[in-house]
Every structure is written in C-alpha cells, then in structure tokens.
Amino acid sequence: MRPWLGIAGLSGAIAVALGAYAAHALADDPTAAATLDKAVRWQLAHALALLAVDRLDSSLPARLAGVAFTLGIVLFCGALYGIALFGLPTAPLAPFGGSAFIAGWLLLALRGFMRG
C-alpha cells in the first residue's frame, strides 16, 4: 500500500476540480475566487510534495513529512476553502496548516541530511 501516492492523487483531483469551480462559478466574486485560487495552488504544490514523500524510504522523517503535508492541506487549504465557498470564519486554522507545511519541508530536509 502506498498511502502518500493515494493522498497525492486525491488531493490533486480535488484541487483541480475546485480550481475549475472557482474559474466558472465564482467569476462574479473576485475575492472568493482569489482565495480559492490560492488554496488550489498550495494544495497542488503539496500534492506534488506528497509524491516526493512516496518515492522516499519509510524512515520516520519521511513518514512524518507526509503527515505534515497532509495536515497542512487539510488545515491551510481547508480554511481557505471554507472562507471562499461558505464564508466560514476558519482563518484561525490557516496558520496551523502553514506551520504544518513548514514542518513537512524541514522533515524532508532532515531526511536529506541523514545517513542511509
């Protein structure tokens, strides 16, 4: 089983679908469209990061990077989707998601500096 590949695929598909929705259904609301577009870009970038995690070994830093990227997608992108699509006051979650993204990249860096 390759969970990071599966999550990357689902994440990419969701981002593309929501990006298409933003382009067509939110054309009359440029603020919501811009917020949704930002979420889509971050989600796609981190779906690709999950592909990199999938190609790594099963070391603890690599596994934790996958968890951090997934958590970042859910919290950061999810908060922006909530704001753009439903007007939810989810902005306080976004910094936690951004921190998770940073942690994921630092965990990848740690793995890169490890032996073996």
PDB file of N, CA and C in Angstrom:
ATOM      1  N   MET A   1       0.850  -1.182   0.000  1.00  0.00           N
ATOM      2  CA  MET A   1       0.000   0.000   0.000  1.00  0.00           C
ATOM      3  C   MET A   1       0.891   1.239   0.000  1.00  0.00           C
ATOM      4  N   ARG A   2       0.483   2.261  -0.761  1.00  0.00           N
ATOM      5  CA  ARG A   2       1.244   3.498  -0.868  1.00  0.00           C
ATOM      6  C   ARG A   2       0.320   4.684  -0.557  1.00  0.00           C
ATOM      7  N   PRO A   3       0.115   4.954   0.742  1.00  0.00           N
ATOM      8  CA  PRO A   3      -0.858   5.979   1.127  1.00  0.00           C
ATOM      9  C   PRO A   3      -0.518   7.375   0.627  1.00  0.00           C
ATOM     10  N   TRP A   4       0.774   7.729   0.568  1.00  0.00           N
ATOM     11  CA  TRP A   4       1.109   9.093   0.137  1.00  0.00           C
ATOM     12  C   TRP A   4       0.766   9.288  -1.332  1.00  0.00           C
ATOM     13  N   LEU A   5       0.941   8.252  -2.135  1.00  0.00           N
ATOM     14  CA  LEU A   5       0.554   8.334  -3.547  1.00  0.00           C
ATOM     15  C   LEU A   5      -0.956   8.494  -3.668  1.00  0.00           C
ATOM     16  N   GLY A   6      -1.713   7.739  -2.873  1.00  0.00           N
ATOM     17  CA  GLY A   6      -3.169   7.857  -2.896  1.00  0.00           C
ATOM     18  C   GLY A   6      -3.648   9.230  -2.459  1.00  0.00           C
ATOM     19  N   ILE A   7      -3.055   9.747  -1.385  1.00  0.00           N
ATOM     20  CA  ILE A   7      -3.454  11.076  -0.897  1.00  0.00           C
ATOM     21  C   ILE A   7      -3.057  12.138  -1.908  1.00  0.00           C
ATOM     22  N   ALA A   8      -1.885  11.981  -2.529  1.00  0.00           N
ATOM     23  CA  ALA A   8      -1.456  12.944  -3.550  1.00  0.00           C
ATOM     24  C   ALA A   8      -2.440  12.970  -4.715  1.00  0.00           C
ATOM     25  N   GLY A   9      -2.858  11.787  -5.164  1.00  0.00           N
ATOM     26  CA  GLY A   9      -3.813  11.717  -6.272  1.00  0.00           C
ATOM     27  C   GLY A   9      -5.149  12.343  -5.936  1.00  0.00           C
ATOM     28  N   LEU A  10      -5.677  12.021  -4.767  1.00  0.00           N
ATOM     29  CA  LEU A  10      -6.949  12.620  -4.345  1.00  0.00           C
ATOM     30  C   LEU A  10      -6.824  14.123  -4.172  1.00  0.00           C
ATOM     31  N   SER A  11      -5.733  14.539  -3.563  1.00  0.00           N
ATOM     32  CA  SER A  11      -5.524  15.964  -3.332  1.00  0.00           C
ATOM     33  C   SER A  11      -5.435  16.729  -4.649  1.00  0.00           C
ATOM     34  N   GLY A  12      -4.694  16.171  -5.592  1.00  0.00           N
ATOM     35  CA  GLY A  12      -4.589  16.817  -6.904  1.00  0.00           C
ATOM     36  C   GLY A  12      -5.936  16.908  -7.603  1.00  0.00           C
ATOM     37  N   ALA A  13      -6.707  15.843  -7.550  1.00  0.00           N
ATOM     38  CA  ALA A  13      -8.024  15.839  -8.200  1.00  0.00           C
ATOM     39  C   ALA A  13      -8.957  16.869  -7.563  1.00  0.00           C
ATOM     40  N   ILE A  14      -8.951  16.922  -6.236  1.00  0.00           N
ATOM     41  CA  ILE A  14      -9.800  17.904  -5.532  1.00  0.00           C
ATOM     42  C   ILE A  14      -9.390  19.320  -5.900  1.00  0.00           C
ATOM     43  N   ALA A  15      -8.082  19.568  -5.926  1.00  0.00           N
ATOM     44  CA  ALA A  15      -7.596  20.917  -6.247  1.00  0.00           C
ATOM     45  C   ALA A  15      -7.992  21.330  -7.662  1.00  0.00           C
ATOM     46  N   VAL A  16      -7.850  20.423  -8.616  1.00  0.00           N
ATOM     47  CA  VAL A  16      -8.220  20.747  -9.996  1.00  0.00           C
ATOM     48  C   VAL A  16      -9.720  21.013 -10.098  1.00  0.00           C
ATOM     49  N   ALA A  17     -10.530  20.179  -9.453  1.00  0.00           N
ATOM     50  CA  ALA A  17     -11.984  20.371  -9.502  1.00  0.00           C
ATOM     51  C   ALA A  17     -12.381  21.707  -8.879  1.00  0.00           C
ATOM     52  N   LEU A  18     -11.795  22.047  -7.724  1.00  0.00           N
ATOM     53  CA  LEU A  18     -12.137  23.320  -7.088  1.00  0.00           C
ATOM     54  C   LEU A  18     -11.589  24.505  -7.865  1.00  0.00           C
ATOM     55  N   GLY A  19     -10.453  24.324  -8.516  1.00  0.00           N
ATOM     56  CA  GLY A  19      -9.936  25.383  -9.378  1.00  0.00           C
ATOM     57  C   GLY A  19     -10.868  25.661 -10.552  1.00  0.00           C
ATOM     58  N   ALA A  20     -11.400  24.608 -11.140  1.00  0.00           N
ATOM     59  CA  ALA A  20     -12.364  24.779 -12.231  1.00  0.00           C
ATOM     60  C   ALA A  20     -13.629  25.454 -11.727  1.00  0.00           C
ATOM     61  N   TYR A  21     -14.066  25.052 -10.542  1.00  0.00           N
ATOM     62  CA  TYR A  21     -15.247  25.674  -9.947  1.00  0.00           C
ATOM     63  C   TYR A  21     -15.009  27.169  -9.741  1.00  0.00           C
ATOM     64  N   ALA A  22     -13.846  27.518  -9.218  1.00  0.00           N
ATOM     65  CA  ALA A  22     -13.530  28.931  -8.975  1.00  0.00           C
ATOM     66  C   ALA A  22     -13.543  29.727 -10.273  1.00  0.00           C
ATOM     67  N   ALA A  23     -12.995  29.148 -11.321  1.00  0.00           N
ATOM     68  CA  ALA A  23     -12.919  29.850 -12.599  1.00  0.00           C
ATOM     69  C   ALA A  23     -14.286  30.107 -13.208  1.00  0.00           C
ATOM     70  N   HIS A  24     -15.226  29.217 -12.957  1.00  0.00           N
ATOM     71  CA  HIS A  24     -16.533  29.337 -13.597  1.00  0.00           C
ATOM     72  C   HIS A  24     -17.616  29.866 -12.666  1.00  0.00           C
ATOM     73  N   ALA A  25     -17.742  29.305 -11.509  1.00  0.00           N
ATOM     74  CA  ALA A  25     -18.861  29.646 -10.622  1.00  0.00           C
ATOM     75  C   ALA A  25     -18.595  30.886  -9.780  1.00  0.00           C
ATOM     76  N   LEU A  26     -17.340  31.238  -9.580  1.00  0.00           N
ATOM     77  CA  LEU A  26     -17.034  32.400  -8.735  1.00  0.00           C
ATOM     78  C   LEU A  26     -16.557  33.603  -9.545  1.00  0.00           C
ATOM     79  N   ALA A  27     -16.855  33.610 -10.824  1.00  0.00           N
ATOM     80  CA  ALA A  27     -16.415  34.708 -11.684  1.00  0.00           C
ATOM     81  C   ALA A  27     -16.961  36.060 -11.219  1.00  0.00           C
ATOM     82  N   ASP A  28     -18.126  36.066 -10.578  1.00  0.00           N
ATOM     83  CA  ASP A  28     -18.733  37.315 -10.113  1.00  0.00           C
ATOM     84  C   ASP A  28     -18.259  37.735  -8.728  1.00  0.00           C
ATOM     85  N   ASP A  29     -17.432  36.915  -8.088  1.00  0.00           N
ATOM     86  CA  ASP A  29     -16.921  37.224  -6.752  1.00  0.00           C
ATOM     87  C   ASP A  29     -15.397  37.099  -6.766  1.00  0.00           C
ATOM     88  N   PRO A  30     -14.705  38.160  -7.211  1.00  0.00           N
ATOM     89  CA  PRO A  30     -13.257  38.065  -7.373  1.00  0.00           C
ATOM     90  C   PRO A  30     -12.500  37.784  -6.072  1.00  0.00           C
ATOM     91  N   THR A  31     -13.027  38.232  -4.940  1.00  0.00           N
ATOM     92  CA  THR A  31     -12.347  37.974  -3.670  1.00  0.00           C
ATOM     93  C   THR A  31     -12.398  36.487  -3.336  1.00  0.00           C
ATOM     94  N   ALA A  32     -13.573  35.892  -3.452  1.00  0.00           N
ATOM     95  CA  ALA A  32     -13.712  34.452  -3.183  1.00  0.00           C
ATOM     96  C   ALA A  32     -12.894  33.642  -4.184  1.00  0.00           C
ATOM     97  N   ALA A  33     -12.926  34.063  -5.461  1.00  0.00           N
ATOM     98  CA  ALA A  33     -12.170  33.344  -6.489  1.00  0.00           C
ATOM     99  C   ALA A  33     -10.678  33.397  -6.201  1.00  0.00           C
ATOM    100  N   ALA A  34     -10.179  34.545  -5.775  1.00  0.00           N
ATOM    101  CA  ALA A  34      -8.751  34.676  -5.467  1.00  0.00           C
ATOM    102  C   ALA A  34      -8.364  33.830  -4.257  1.00  0.00           C
ATOM    103  N   THR A  35      -9.217  33.796  -3.253  1.00  0.00           N
ATOM    104  CA  THR A  35      -8.946  32.978  -2.064  1.00  0.00           C
ATOM    105  C   THR A  35      -8.936  31.509  -2.430  1.00  0.00           C
ATOM    106  N   LEU A  36      -9.906  31.080  -3.224  1.00  0.00           N
ATOM    107  CA  LEU A  36      -9.965  29.687  -3.632  1.00  0.00           C
ATOM    108  C   LEU A  36      -8.775  29.333  -4.515  1.00  0.00           C
ATOM    109  N   ASP A  37      -8.385  30.249  -5.389  1.00  0.00           N
ATOM    110  CA  ASP A  37      -7.231  30.012  -6.253  1.00  0.00           C
ATOM    111  C   ASP A  37      -5.960  29.835  -5.427  1.00  0.00           C
ATOM    112  N   LYS A  38      -5.810  30.617  -4.376  1.00  0.00           N
ATOM    113  CA  LYS A  38      -4.646  30.486  -3.502  1.00  0.00           C
ATOM    114  C   LYS A  38      -4.627  29.099  -2.854  1.00  0.00           C
ATOM    115  N   ALA A  39      -5.769  28.639  -2.376  1.00  0.00           N
ATOM    116  CA  ALA A  39      -5.856  27.316  -1.758  1.00  0.00           C
ATOM    117  C   ALA A  39      -5.504  26.227  -2.765  1.00  0.00           C
ATOM    118  N   VAL A  40      -5.999  26.366  -3.979  1.00  0.00           N
ATOM    119  CA  VAL A  40      -5.734  25.377  -5.029  1.00  0.00           C
ATOM    120  C   VAL A  40      -4.237  25.303  -5.325  1.00  0.00           C
ATOM    121  N   ARG A  41      -3.576  26.453  -5.437  1.00  0.00           N
ATOM    122  CA  ARG A  41      -2.137  26.464  -5.740  1.00  0.00           C
ATOM    123  C   ARG A  41      -1.337  25.775  -4.636  1.00  0.00           C
ATOM    124  N   TRP A  42      -1.651  26.088  -3.387  1.00  0.00           N
ATOM    125  CA  TRP A  42      -0.935  25.470  -2.269  1.00  0.00           C
ATOM    126  C   TRP A  42      -1.224  23.970  -2.207  1.00  0.00           C
ATOM    127  N   GLN A  43      -2.457  23.593  -2.479  1.00  0.00           N
ATOM    128  CA  GLN A  43      -2.799  22.177  -2.433  1.00  0.00           C
ATOM    129  C   GLN A  43      -2.082  21.409  -3.538  1.00  0.00           C
ATOM    130  N   LEU A  44      -2.046  21.959  -4.737  1.00  0.00           N
ATOM    131  CA  LEU A  44      -1.353  21.275  -5.831  1.00  0.00           C
ATOM    132  C   LEU A  44       0.141  21.146  -5.545  1.00  0.00           C
ATOM    133  N   ALA A  45       0.742  22.200  -5.014  1.00  0.00           N
ATOM    134  CA  ALA A  45       2.176  22.150  -4.692  1.00  0.00           C
ATOM    135  C   ALA A  45       2.466  21.045  -3.685  1.00  0.00           C
ATOM    136  N   HIS A  46       1.598  20.915  -2.702  1.00  0.00           N
ATOM    137  CA  HIS A  46       1.857  19.920  -1.665  1.00  0.00           C
ATOM    138  C   HIS A  46       1.387  18.519  -2.062  1.00  0.00           C
ATOM    139  N   ALA A  47       0.513  18.425  -3.047  1.00  0.00           N
ATOM    140  CA  ALA A  47       0.225  17.116  -3.629  1.00  0.00           C
ATOM    141  C   ALA A  47       1.491  16.594  -4.315  1.00  0.00           C
ATOM    142  N   LEU A  48       2.210  17.497  -4.983  1.00  0.00           N
ATOM    143  CA  LEU A  48       3.480  17.096  -5.596  1.00  0.00           C
ATOM    144  C   LEU A  48       4.517  16.732  -4.537  1.00  0.00           C
ATOM    145  N   ALA A  49       4.517  17.474  -3.434  1.00  0.00           N
ATOM    146  CA  ALA A  49       5.434  17.138  -2.337  1.00  0.00           C
ATOM    147  C   ALA A  49       5.129  15.737  -1.802  1.00  0.00           C
ATOM    148  N   LEU A  50       3.859  15.386  -1.737  1.00  0.00           N
ATOM    149  CA  LEU A  50       3.493  14.038  -1.289  1.00  0.00           C
ATOM    150  C   LEU A  50       3.995  12.964  -2.260  1.00  0.00           C
ATOM    151  N   LEU A  51       4.069  13.304  -3.544  1.00  0.00           N
ATOM    152  CA  LEU A  51       4.653  12.363  -4.500  1.00  0.00           C
ATOM    153  C   LEU A  51       6.127  12.131  -4.179  1.00  0.00           C
ATOM    154  N   ALA A  52       6.827  13.187  -3.786  1.00  0.00           N
ATOM    155  CA  ALA A  52       8.228  13.041  -3.396  1.00  0.00           C
ATOM    156  C   ALA A  52       8.339  12.160  -2.154  1.00  0.00           C
ATOM    157  N   VAL A  53       7.463  12.383  -1.195  1.00  0.00           N
ATOM    158  CA  VAL A  53       7.465  11.560   0.020  1.00  0.00           C
ATOM    159  C   VAL A  53       7.220  10.094  -0.343  1.00  0.00           C
ATOM    160  N   ASP A  54       6.325   9.860  -1.279  1.00  0.00           N
ATOM    161  CA  ASP A  54       6.037   8.486  -1.704  1.00  0.00           C
ATOM    162  C   ASP A  54       7.281   7.807  -2.271  1.00  0.00           C
ATOM    163  N   ARG A  55       8.142   8.560  -2.923  1.00  0.00           N
ATOM    164  CA  ARG A  55       9.339   7.990  -3.545  1.00  0.00           C
ATOM    165  C   ARG A  55      10.451   7.740  -2.531  1.00  0.00           C
ATOM    166  N   LEU A  56      10.360   8.341  -1.342  1.00  0.00           N
ATOM    167  CA  LEU A  56      11.370   8.147  -0.316  1.00  0.00           C
ATOM    168  C   LEU A  56      11.195   6.806   0.372  1.00  0.00           C
ATOM    169  N   ASP A  57      12.114   6.537   1.254  1.00  0.00           N
ATOM    170  CA  ASP A  57      12.022   5.330   2.061  1.00  0.00           C
ATOM    171  C   ASP A  57      10.962   5.506   3.138  1.00  0.00           C
ATOM    172  N   SER A  58      10.883   4.564   4.030  1.00  0.00           N
ATOM    173  CA  SER A  58       9.870   4.636   5.079  1.00  0.00           C
ATOM    174  C   SER A  58      10.465   5.110   6.403  1.00  0.00           C
ATOM    175  N   SER A  59      11.492   5.948   6.325  1.00  0.00           N
ATOM    176  CA  SER A  59      12.093   6.480   7.547  1.00  0.00           C
ATOM    177  C   SER A  59      11.080   7.346   8.293  1.00  0.00           C
ATOM    178  N   LEU A  60      11.320   7.523   9.573  1.00  0.00           N
ATOM    179  CA  LEU A  60      10.408   8.332  10.383  1.00  0.00           C
ATOM    180  C   LEU A  60      10.279   9.760   9.856  1.00  0.00           C
ATOM    181  N   PRO A  61      11.381  10.447   9.511  1.00  0.00           N
ATOM    182  CA  PRO A  61      11.207  11.808   8.979  1.00  0.00           C
ATOM    183  C   PRO A  61      10.373  11.852   7.700  1.00  0.00           C
ATOM    184  N   ALA A  62      10.547  10.872   6.823  1.00  0.00           N
ATOM    185  CA  ALA A  62       9.760  10.850   5.581  1.00  0.00           C
ATOM    186  C   ALA A  62       8.279  10.635   5.877  1.00  0.00           C
ATOM    187  N   ARG A  63       7.992   9.692   6.764  1.00  0.00           N
ATOM    188  CA  ARG A  63       6.581   9.445   7.120  1.00  0.00           C
ATOM    189  C   ARG A  63       5.966  10.676   7.781  1.00  0.00           C
ATOM    190  N   LEU A  64       6.716  11.303   8.682  1.00  0.00           N
ATOM    191  CA  LEU A  64       6.196  12.497   9.358  1.00  0.00           C
ATOM    192  C   LEU A  64       6.024  13.662   8.390  1.00  0.00           C
ATOM    193  N   ALA A  65       6.884  13.750   7.375  1.00  0.00           N
ATOM    194  CA  ALA A  65       6.714  14.789   6.351  1.00  0.00           C
ATOM    195  C   ALA A  65       5.387  14.588   5.623  1.00  0.00           C
ATOM    196  N   GLY A  66       5.059  13.346   5.288  1.00  0.00           N
ATOM    197  CA  GLY A  66       3.776  13.069   4.642  1.00  0.00           C
ATOM    198  C   GLY A  66       2.604  13.454   5.521  1.00  0.00           C
ATOM    199  N   VAL A  67       2.701  13.150   6.798  1.00  0.00           N
ATOM    200  CA  VAL A  67       1.644  13.527   7.733  1.00  0.00           C
ATOM    201  C   VAL A  67       1.525  15.047   7.802  1.00  0.00           C
ATOM    202  N   ALA A  68       2.667  15.721   7.882  1.00  0.00           N
ATOM    203  CA  ALA A  68       2.653  17.187   7.986  1.00  0.00           C
ATOM    204  C   ALA A  68       2.069  17.829   6.729  1.00  0.00           C
ATOM    205  N   PHE A  69       2.452  17.336   5.549  1.00  0.00           N
ATOM    206  CA  PHE A  69       1.905  17.895   4.315  1.00  0.00           C
ATOM    207  C   PHE A  69       0.394  17.669   4.235  1.00  0.00           C
ATOM    208  N   THR A  70      -0.047  16.491   4.616  1.00  0.00           N
ATOM    209  CA  THR A  70      -1.485  16.190   4.599  1.00  0.00           C
ATOM    210  C   THR A  70      -2.228  17.085   5.581  1.00  0.00           C
ATOM    211  N   LEU A  71      -1.687  17.238   6.769  1.00  0.00           N
ATOM    212  CA  LEU A  71      -2.296  18.115   7.772  1.00  0.00           C
ATOM    213  C   LEU A  71      -2.335  19.561   7.267  1.00  0.00           C
ATOM    214  N   GLY A  72      -1.264  19.994   6.615  1.00  0.00           N
ATOM    215  CA  GLY A  72      -1.240  21.336   6.044  1.00  0.00           C
ATOM    216  C   GLY A  72      -2.323  21.536   4.991  1.00  0.00           C
ATOM    217  N   ILE A  73      -2.503  20.538   4.142  1.00  0.00           N
ATOM    218  CA  ILE A  73      -3.550  20.625   3.119  1.00  0.00           C
ATOM    219  C   ILE A  73      -4.922  20.759   3.776  1.00  0.00           C
ATOM    220  N   VAL A  74      -5.161  19.924   4.764  1.00  0.00           N
ATOM    221  CA  VAL A  74      -6.469  19.945   5.427  1.00  0.00           C
ATOM    222  C   VAL A  74      -6.696  21.278   6.146  1.00  0.00           C
ATOM    223  N   LEU A  75      -5.707  21.714   6.921  1.00  0.00           N
ATOM    224  CA  LEU A  75      -5.907  22.924   7.734  1.00  0.00           C
ATOM    225  C   LEU A  75      -5.775  24.212   6.937  1.00  0.00           C
ATOM    226  N   PHE A  76      -4.692  24.366   6.173  1.00  0.00           N
ATOM    227  CA  PHE A  76      -4.482  25.619   5.452  1.00  0.00           C
ATOM    228  C   PHE A  76      -5.456  25.748   4.281  1.00  0.00           C
ATOM    229  N   CYS A  77      -5.407  24.752   3.400  1.00  0.00           N
ATOM    230  CA  CYS A  77      -6.282  24.823   2.224  1.00  0.00           C
ATOM    231  C   CYS A  77      -7.742  24.701   2.627  1.00  0.00           C
ATOM    232  N   GLY A  78      -8.027  23.830   3.586  1.00  0.00           N
ATOM    233  CA  GLY A  78      -9.401  23.689   4.057  1.00  0.00           C
ATOM    234  C   GLY A  78      -9.950  24.985   4.624  1.00  0.00           C
ATOM    235  N   ALA A  79      -9.109  25.712   5.371  1.00  0.00           N
ATOM    236  CA  ALA A  79      -9.556  27.002   5.917  1.00  0.00           C
ATOM    237  C   ALA A  79      -9.887  27.974   4.795  1.00  0.00           C
ATOM    238  N   LEU A  80      -9.007  28.040   3.794  1.00  0.00           N
ATOM    239  CA  LEU A  80      -9.270  28.954   2.672  1.00  0.00           C
ATOM    240  C   LEU A  80     -10.497  28.525   1.875  1.00  0.00           C
ATOM    241  N   TYR A  81     -10.697  27.234   1.699  1.00  0.00           N
ATOM    242  CA  TYR A  81     -11.905  26.761   1.012  1.00  0.00           C
ATOM    243  C   TYR A  81     -13.153  27.143   1.810  1.00  0.00           C
ATOM    244  N   GLY A  82     -13.094  26.991   3.112  1.00  0.00           N
ATOM    245  CA  GLY A  82     -14.225  27.366   3.957  1.00  0.00           C
ATOM    246  C   GLY A  82     -14.568  28.832   3.847  1.00  0.00           C
ATOM    247  N   ILE A  83     -13.533  29.670   3.804  1.00  0.00           N
ATOM    248  CA  ILE A  83     -13.733  31.117   3.664  1.00  0.00           C
ATOM    249  C   ILE A  83     -14.339  31.434   2.301  1.00  0.00           C
ATOM    250  N   ALA A  84     -13.729  30.898   1.240  1.00  0.00           N
ATOM    251  CA  ALA A  84     -14.142  31.238  -0.125  1.00  0.00           C
ATOM    252  C   ALA A  84     -15.513  30.685  -0.487  1.00  0.00           C
ATOM    253  N   LEU A  85     -15.795  29.466  -0.083  1.00  0.00           N
ATOM    254  CA  LEU A  85     -17.022  28.812  -0.532  1.00  0.00           C
ATOM    255  C   LEU A  85     -18.221  29.013   0.393  1.00  0.00           C
ATOM    256  N   PHE A  86     -17.944  29.139   1.685  1.00  0.00           N
ATOM    257  CA  PHE A  86     -19.048  29.164   2.647  1.00  0.00           C
ATOM    258  C   PHE A  86     -19.039  30.375   3.561  1.00  0.00           C
ATOM    259  N   GLY A  87     -18.055  31.251   3.408  1.00  0.00           N
ATOM    260  CA  GLY A  87     -17.960  32.421   4.277  1.00  0.00           C
ATOM    261  C   GLY A  87     -17.707  32.062   5.733  1.00  0.00           C
ATOM    262  N   LEU A  88     -17.100  30.893   5.959  1.00  0.00           N
ATOM    263  CA  LEU A  88     -16.842  30.450   7.338  1.00  0.00           C
ATOM    264  C   LEU A  88     -15.674  31.222   7.948  1.00  0.00           C
ATOM    265  N   PRO A  89     -15.720  31.452   9.226  1.00  0.00           N
ATOM    266  CA  PRO A  89     -14.602  32.134   9.900  1.00  0.00           C
ATOM    267  C   PRO A  89     -13.511  31.131  10.288  1.00  0.00           C
ATOM    268  N   THR A  90     -12.913  30.498   9.277  1.00  0.00           N
ATOM    269  CA  THR A  90     -11.935  29.440   9.534  1.00  0.00           C
ATOM    270  C   THR A  90     -10.502  29.944   9.443  1.00  0.00           C
ATOM    271  N   ALA A  91     -10.311  31.234   9.246  1.00  0.00           N
ATOM    272  CA  ALA A  91      -8.964  31.774   9.079  1.00  0.00           C
ATOM    273  C   ALA A  91      -8.020  31.420  10.224  1.00  0.00           C
ATOM    274  N   PRO A  92      -8.477  31.305  11.481  1.00  0.00           N
ATOM    275  CA  PRO A  92      -7.534  30.939  12.545  1.00  0.00           C
ATOM    276  C   PRO A  92      -6.862  29.577  12.343  1.00  0.00           C
ATOM    277  N   LEU A  93      -7.435  28.696  11.532  1.00  0.00           N
ATOM    278  CA  LEU A  93      -6.821  27.398  11.271  1.00  0.00           C
ATOM    279  C   LEU A  93      -5.667  27.485  10.280  1.00  0.00           C
ATOM    280  N   ALA A  94      -5.693  28.485   9.421  1.00  0.00           N
ATOM    281  CA  ALA A  94      -4.699  28.584   8.358  1.00  0.00           C
ATOM    282  C   ALA A  94      -3.261  28.632   8.876  1.00  0.00           C
ATOM    283  N   PRO A  95      -2.944  29.396   9.918  1.00  0.00           N
ATOM    284  CA  PRO A  95      -1.553  29.394  10.388  1.00  0.00           C
ATOM    285  C   PRO A  95      -1.059  28.028  10.863  1.00  0.00           C
ATOM    286  N   PHE A  96      -1.944  27.232  11.431  1.00  0.00           N
ATOM    287  CA  PHE A  96      -1.551  25.882  11.849  1.00  0.00           C
ATOM    288  C   PHE A  96      -1.224  25.024  10.624  1.00  0.00           C
ATOM    289  N   GLY A  97      -2.010  25.201   9.572  1.00  0.00           N
ATOM    290  CA  GLY A  97      -1.725  24.487   8.333  1.00  0.00           C
ATOM    291  C   GLY A  97      -0.429  24.944   7.694  1.00  0.00           C
ATOM    292  N   GLY A  98      -0.192  26.250   7.711  1.00  0.00           N
ATOM    293  CA  GLY A  98       1.070  26.771   7.185  1.00  0.00           C
ATOM    294  C   GLY A  98       2.263  26.255   7.971  1.00  0.00           C
ATOM    295  N   SER A  99       2.102  26.178   9.282  1.00  0.00           N
ATOM    296  CA  SER A  99       3.168  25.625  10.129  1.00  0.00           C
ATOM    297  C   SER A  99       3.408  24.154   9.807  1.00  0.00           C
ATOM    298  N   ALA A 100       2.340  23.428   9.511  1.00  0.00           N
ATOM    299  CA  ALA A 100       2.488  22.019   9.138  1.00  0.00           C
ATOM    300  C   ALA A 100       3.242  21.889   7.819  1.00  0.00           C
ATOM    301  N   PHE A 101       2.958  22.771   6.862  1.00  0.00           N
ATOM    302  CA  PHE A 101       3.711  22.758   5.603  1.00  0.00           C
ATOM    303  C   PHE A 101       5.202  22.972   5.868  1.00  0.00           C
ATOM    304  N   ILE A 102       5.525  23.967   6.680  1.00  0.00           N
ATOM    305  CA  ILE A 102       6.922  24.255   7.000  1.00  0.00           C
ATOM    306  C   ILE A 102       7.565  23.046   7.678  1.00  0.00           C
ATOM    307  N   ALA A 103       6.853  22.445   8.622  1.00  0.00           N
ATOM    308  CA  ALA A 103       7.383  21.270   9.313  1.00  0.00           C
ATOM    309  C   ALA A 103       7.660  20.139   8.320  1.00  0.00           C
ATOM    310  N   GLY A 104       6.764  19.953   7.374  1.00  0.00           N
ATOM    311  CA  GLY A 104       6.967  18.905   6.372  1.00  0.00           C
ATOM    312  C   GLY A 104       8.235  19.121   5.564  1.00  0.00           C
ATOM    313  N   TRP A 105       8.467  20.345   5.140  1.00  0.00           N
ATOM    314  CA  TRP A 105       9.685  20.644   4.388  1.00  0.00           C
ATOM    315  C   TRP A 105      10.925  20.467   5.248  1.00  0.00           C
ATOM    316  N   LEU A 106      10.851  20.873   6.511  1.00  0.00           N
ATOM    317  CA  LEU A 106      12.004  20.687   7.407  1.00  0.00           C
ATOM    318  C   LEU A 106      12.272  19.203   7.661  1.00  0.00           C
ATOM    319  N   LEU A 107      11.214  18.412   7.749  1.00  0.00           N
ATOM    320  CA  LEU A 107      11.391  16.968   7.914  1.00  0.00           C
ATOM    321  C   LEU A 107      12.026  16.343   6.678  1.00  0.00           C
ATOM    322  N   LEU A 108      11.662  16.830   5.490  1.00  0.00           N
ATOM    323  CA  LEU A 108      12.330  16.348   4.278  1.00  0.00           C
ATOM    324  C   LEU A 108      13.806  16.725   4.300  1.00  0.00           C
ATOM    325  N   ALA A 109      14.092  17.950   4.735  1.00  0.00           N
ATOM    326  CA  ALA A 109      15.490  18.375   4.835  1.00  0.00           C
ATOM    327  C   ALA A 109      16.251  17.486   5.820  1.00  0.00           C
ATOM    328  N   LEU A 110      15.636  17.200   6.957  1.00  0.00           N
ATOM    329  CA  LEU A 110      16.264  16.318   7.933  1.00  0.00           C
ATOM    330  C   LEU A 110      16.585  14.967   7.320  1.00  0.00           C
ATOM    331  N   ARG A 111      15.628  14.410   6.591  1.00  0.00           N
ATOM    332  CA  ARG A 111      15.863  13.115   5.936  1.00  0.00           C
ATOM    333  C   ARG A 111      17.018  13.221   4.957  1.00  0.00           C
ATOM    334  N   GLY A 112      17.114  14.331   4.276  1.00  0.00           N
ATOM    335  CA  GLY A 112      18.194  14.511   3.313  1.00  0.00           C
ATOM    336  C   GLY A 112      19.566  14.548   3.952  1.00  0.00           C
ATOM    337  N   PHE A 113      19.647  14.995   5.177  1.00  0.00           N
ATOM    338  CA  PHE A 113      20.926  15.085   5.870  1.00  0.00           C
ATOM    339  C   PHE A 113      21.257  13.841   6.694  1.00  0.00           C
ATOM    340  N   MET A 114      20.347  12.881   6.723  1.00  0.00           N
ATOM    341  CA  MET A 114      20.588  11.642   7.476  1.00  0.00           C
ATOM    342  C   MET A 114      21.425  10.660   6.652  1.00  0.00           C
ATOM    343  N   ARG A 115      22.115   9.817   7.334  1.00  0.00           N
ATOM    344  CA  ARG A 115      22.854   8.741   6.642  1.00  0.00           C
ATOM    345  C   ARG A 115      21.882   7.647   6.223  1.00  0.00           C
ATOM    346  N   GLY A 116      22.217   7.037   5.079  1.00  0.00           N
ATOM    347  CA  GLY A 116      21.457   5.861   4.670  1.00  0.00           C
ATOM    348  C   GLY A 116      20.237   6.102   3.933  1.00  0.00           C
TER     349      GLY A 116
END
